[in-house]
């Protein structure tokens, strides 16, 4: 399974950026994900403008589930480490 992930441009303290992960739809391949973005550009960008009105899109990624899980695990550990400081 593949997921569409948006990374926004604004950089916050510590080098962090906003991201948005679409849970639905999800995709059977990277090509179906890319096709979705190509065929639904206005909806994708419109959704991001609603979620992040003061930010701009840096990049869209089509990411396989295992890589996304690894990223989310890493992010969670980073957040927990910062809370203990």
C-alpha atoms as a PDB file:
ATOM      1  CA  UNK A   1       0.000   0.000   0.000  1.00  0.00           C
ATOM      2  CA  UNK A   2       1.213   3.527  -0.846  1.00  0.00           C
ATOM      3  CA  UNK A   3       0.328   6.892   0.694  1.00  0.00           C
ATOM      4  CA  UNK A   4       0.437  10.476  -0.515  1.00  0.00           C
ATOM      5  CA  UNK A   5       2.528  12.734   1.749  1.00  0.00           C
ATOM      6  CA  UNK A   6       2.873  16.515   1.510  1.00  0.00           C
ATOM      7  CA  UNK A   7       5.810  18.434   2.989  1.00  0.00           C
ATOM      8  CA  UNK A   8       5.217  22.130   3.493  1.00  0.00           C
ATOM      9  CA  UNK A   9       7.816  24.917   3.060  1.00  0.00           C
ATOM     10  CA  UNK A  10       7.834  26.791   6.369  1.00  0.00           C
ATOM     11  CA  UNK A  11      10.704  25.763   8.626  1.00  0.00           C
ATOM     12  CA  UNK A  12      10.087  26.009  12.375  1.00  0.00           C
ATOM     13  CA  UNK A  13      12.506  26.016  15.297  1.00  0.00           C
ATOM     14  CA  UNK A  14      14.677  22.948  15.202  1.00  0.00           C
ATOM     15  CA  UNK A  15      14.311  22.606  11.431  1.00  0.00           C
ATOM     16  CA  UNK A  16      10.844  21.070  11.613  1.00  0.00           C
ATOM     17  CA  UNK A  17       8.224  21.342   8.876  1.00  0.00           C
ATOM     18  CA  UNK A  18       4.533  20.519   8.668  1.00  0.00           C
ATOM     19  CA  UNK A  19       3.575  17.356   6.851  1.00  0.00           C
ATOM     20  CA  UNK A  20       0.224  15.966   5.809  1.00  0.00           C
ATOM     21  CA  UNK A  21      -0.448  12.272   5.164  1.00  0.00           C
ATOM     22  CA  UNK A  22      -3.536  11.214   3.256  1.00  0.00           C
ATOM     23  CA  UNK A  23      -4.995   8.075   4.834  1.00  0.00           C
ATOM     24  CA  UNK A  24      -7.637   7.927   2.139  1.00  0.00           C
ATOM     25  CA  UNK A  25      -7.262   7.352  -0.591  1.00  0.00           C
ATOM     26  CA  UNK A  26      -4.358   4.955  -0.377  1.00  0.00           C
ATOM     27  CA  UNK A  27      -2.842   3.314  -3.405  1.00  0.00           C
ATOM     28  CA  UNK A  28      -1.732  -0.069  -4.720  1.00  0.00           C
ATOM     29  CA  UNK A  29       1.404   1.311  -6.401  1.00  0.00           C
ATOM     30  CA  UNK A  30       3.477   4.426  -6.793  1.00  0.00           C
ATOM     31  CA  UNK A  31       2.038   4.866 -10.287  1.00  0.00           C
ATOM     32  CA  UNK A  32      -1.577   4.898  -9.069  1.00  0.00           C
ATOM     33  CA  UNK A  33      -0.548   7.483  -6.458  1.00  0.00           C
ATOM     34  CA  UNK A  34       1.137   9.648  -9.090  1.00  0.00           C
ATOM     35  CA  UNK A  35      -1.871   9.288 -11.384  1.00  0.00           C
ATOM     36  CA  UNK A  36      -4.160  10.435  -8.552  1.00  0.00           C
ATOM     37  CA  UNK A  37      -2.075  13.562  -7.997  1.00  0.00           C
ATOM     38  CA  UNK A  38      -1.965  14.324 -11.709  1.00  0.00           C
ATOM     39  CA  UNK A  39      -5.729  13.889 -12.109  1.00  0.00           C
ATOM     40  CA  UNK A  40      -6.695  15.695  -8.878  1.00  0.00           C
ATOM     41  CA  UNK A  41      -4.240  18.578  -8.596  1.00  0.00           C
ATOM     42  CA  UNK A  42      -6.830  21.208  -7.704  1.00  0.00           C
ATOM     43  CA  UNK A  43      -8.336  19.065  -4.939  1.00  0.00           C
ATOM     44  CA  UNK A  44      -4.933  18.135  -3.491  1.00  0.00           C
ATOM     45  CA  UNK A  45      -3.670  21.716  -3.436  1.00  0.00           C
ATOM     46  CA  UNK A  46      -7.013  23.046  -2.234  1.00  0.00           C
ATOM     47  CA  UNK A  47      -6.968  20.651   0.703  1.00  0.00           C
ATOM     48  CA  UNK A  48      -3.456  21.735   1.656  1.00  0.00           C
ATOM     49  CA  UNK A  49      -4.417  25.420   1.508  1.00  0.00           C
ATOM     50  CA  UNK A  50      -7.260  24.700   3.955  1.00  0.00           C
ATOM     51  CA  UNK A  51      -4.975  22.751   6.300  1.00  0.00           C
ATOM     52  CA  UNK A  52      -2.020  25.165   6.083  1.00  0.00           C
ATOM     53  CA  UNK A  53      -3.383  28.575   5.008  1.00  0.00           C
ATOM     54  CA  UNK A  54      -0.143  30.445   5.727  1.00  0.00           C
ATOM     55  CA  UNK A  55       2.216  27.939   4.161  1.00  0.00           C
ATOM     56  CA  UNK A  56       3.115  26.659   0.706  1.00  0.00           C
ATOM     57  CA  UNK A  57       3.719  23.181  -0.608  1.00  0.00           C
ATOM     58  CA  UNK A  58       7.351  22.173  -0.927  1.00  0.00           C
ATOM     59  CA  UNK A  59       6.935  18.640  -2.257  1.00  0.00           C
ATOM     60  CA  UNK A  60       4.516  15.746  -2.658  1.00  0.00           C
ATOM     61  CA  UNK A  61       5.718  12.188  -2.186  1.00  0.00           C
ATOM     62  CA  UNK A  62       4.190   8.809  -2.875  1.00  0.00           C
ATOM     63  CA  UNK A  63       5.521   6.645  -0.066  1.00  0.00           C
ATOM     64  CA  UNK A  64       5.247   2.886   0.523  1.00  0.00           C
ATOM     65  CA  UNK A  65       3.680   1.873   3.816  1.00  0.00           C
ATOM     66  CA  UNK A  66       6.853   0.361   5.305  1.00  0.00           C
ATOM     67  CA  UNK A  67       8.873   3.545   4.698  1.00  0.00           C
ATOM     68  CA  UNK A  68       6.059   5.656   6.113  1.00  0.00           C
ATOM     69  CA  UNK A  69       5.928   3.494   9.252  1.00  0.00           C
ATOM     70  CA  UNK A  70       9.705   3.836   9.684  1.00  0.00           C
ATOM     71  CA  UNK A  71       9.439   7.622   9.346  1.00  0.00           C
ATOM     72  CA  UNK A  72       6.564   7.841  11.838  1.00  0.00           C
ATOM     73  CA  UNK A  73       8.443   5.659  14.350  1.00  0.00           C
ATOM     74  CA  UNK A  74      11.508   7.890  13.997  1.00  0.00           C
ATOM     75  CA  UNK A  75       9.394  11.052  14.379  1.00  0.00           C
ATOM     76  CA  UNK A  76       7.687   9.672  17.490  1.00  0.00           C
ATOM     77  CA  UNK A  77      11.059   8.901  19.090  1.00  0.00           C
ATOM     78  CA  UNK A  78      12.294  12.412  18.238  1.00  0.00           C
ATOM     79  CA  UNK A  79       9.209  13.956  19.858  1.00  0.00           C
ATOM     80  CA  UNK A  80       9.616  11.863  23.001  1.00  0.00           C
ATOM     81  CA  UNK A  81      13.286  12.834  23.261  1.00  0.00           C
ATOM     82  CA  UNK A  82      12.473  16.531  23.046  1.00  0.00           C
ATOM     83  CA  UNK A  83       9.769  16.275  25.706  1.00  0.00           C
ATOM     84  CA  UNK A  84      12.283  14.879  28.191  1.00  0.00           C
ATOM     85  CA  UNK A  85      14.655  17.868  27.769  1.00  0.00           C
END
